[in-house]
Amino acid sequence: MVPGNLTHVSGFLLLGFSEAPELQPLIFGVFLSMYLITVFGNLFIILAVSSYTHLHTPMYFFLSNLSFVDICFTSTTIPKMLWNIQTQNKVISYEGCITQMYFFALFVGLDDFLLTVMAYDRFVAICHPLHYTVIMSARLCGLLVLVSWVINVLHSFLQTLMVLRLSFGREVIIPHYFCELKQLVQLACSDTFLNDMVIYFATVLLGGAPLAGILYSYSRIVSSICGISSAQGKYKAFSTCASHLSVVSLFYCTCLGVYLSSAGTHSSHSSATASVMYTVVTPMLNPFIYSLRNKDIKRALKAFFR
């Protein structure tokens, strides 16, 4: 690559999953179906929570916010990929790539923070049931969501500014189906030491702290459940957080799988395929996990469709 100033970079080339022409209609159909399921599934959750007064509680308030973030999360990457397949043009403009990178980092961070807030909600509900309505007030719930947005907006803005200072070659090929922060930093021609440090510390602080909060909350939850004498009481307490625990496990296991896949192989297609798990599959499965295991959501969805 010939080094050039950022202002001279007109666009990037997204390789996607496969360059075989015969596979493009299959890839288009699969991802269009997954995207529509994700959007409508999460949209139904939002509509059910907003229209059914019985669901106007902190837990479902956080769930509707998570569904909204999941819709935005998938809408950041999938529509552009579908457009590239349809037009047979893999180019994304420099401005479009930076914008996509910003919103991707924003919504993946929000997903992480909202799952942590929901874990705290379940911790208060099970460990302090008598004080739940006092602790989880509407003001605190709104403040937790607002803080999550502010932190991740500032973090994404910082990462974007760090990328804007980098120089790229005239023709940059991204071995992925969207513009990811780490991929862009690796493809830069200039020194990326400062970028790598910022990414590392942000991952430790904004990734490690929420995970530690989730683990602490569930350690206390398990301890409280074990202290319940009746088997029925244990089952009832566990069922209130089973859906959230399933979503947390799916999110972190897929993220870990992507990290191990990218660290253990140099195949760009393997890394892109692994990324599908937490960028598309996890947001698509979240509505099913919460609706299939939750009688209130199923009742609200039936009432909504009637």
Foldseek 3Di string as FASTA:
>chain_A
DAWDAPVLAFWAFEPAQDPDLVCLVVVLVVLVVLLVLLLVLLVLLLVLCVPDVVNPDLLSVLSNVLSVLLNQLLVLFRVVLSVCSVVVHRIDTPVSQLVSQLSNQLSLLLNLQSLLVSLVLLLCCQVPVVCNCVVPDPVVSVVSSVVSNVVSNVLSVVLSVLLNVFIADRYHYQLARGRHSVSSLVRTPDDCPVSVVSVVVCCCVSVVVSVVSNVVSVVSLVVSLVPDDDPVSSVVSCLVCVLSVVLVCQQVVLVVVLVCQVVVDVRSSSNRVSVCSNSRVSSSCSSVSPCVSDPSSVVSSVVVVD
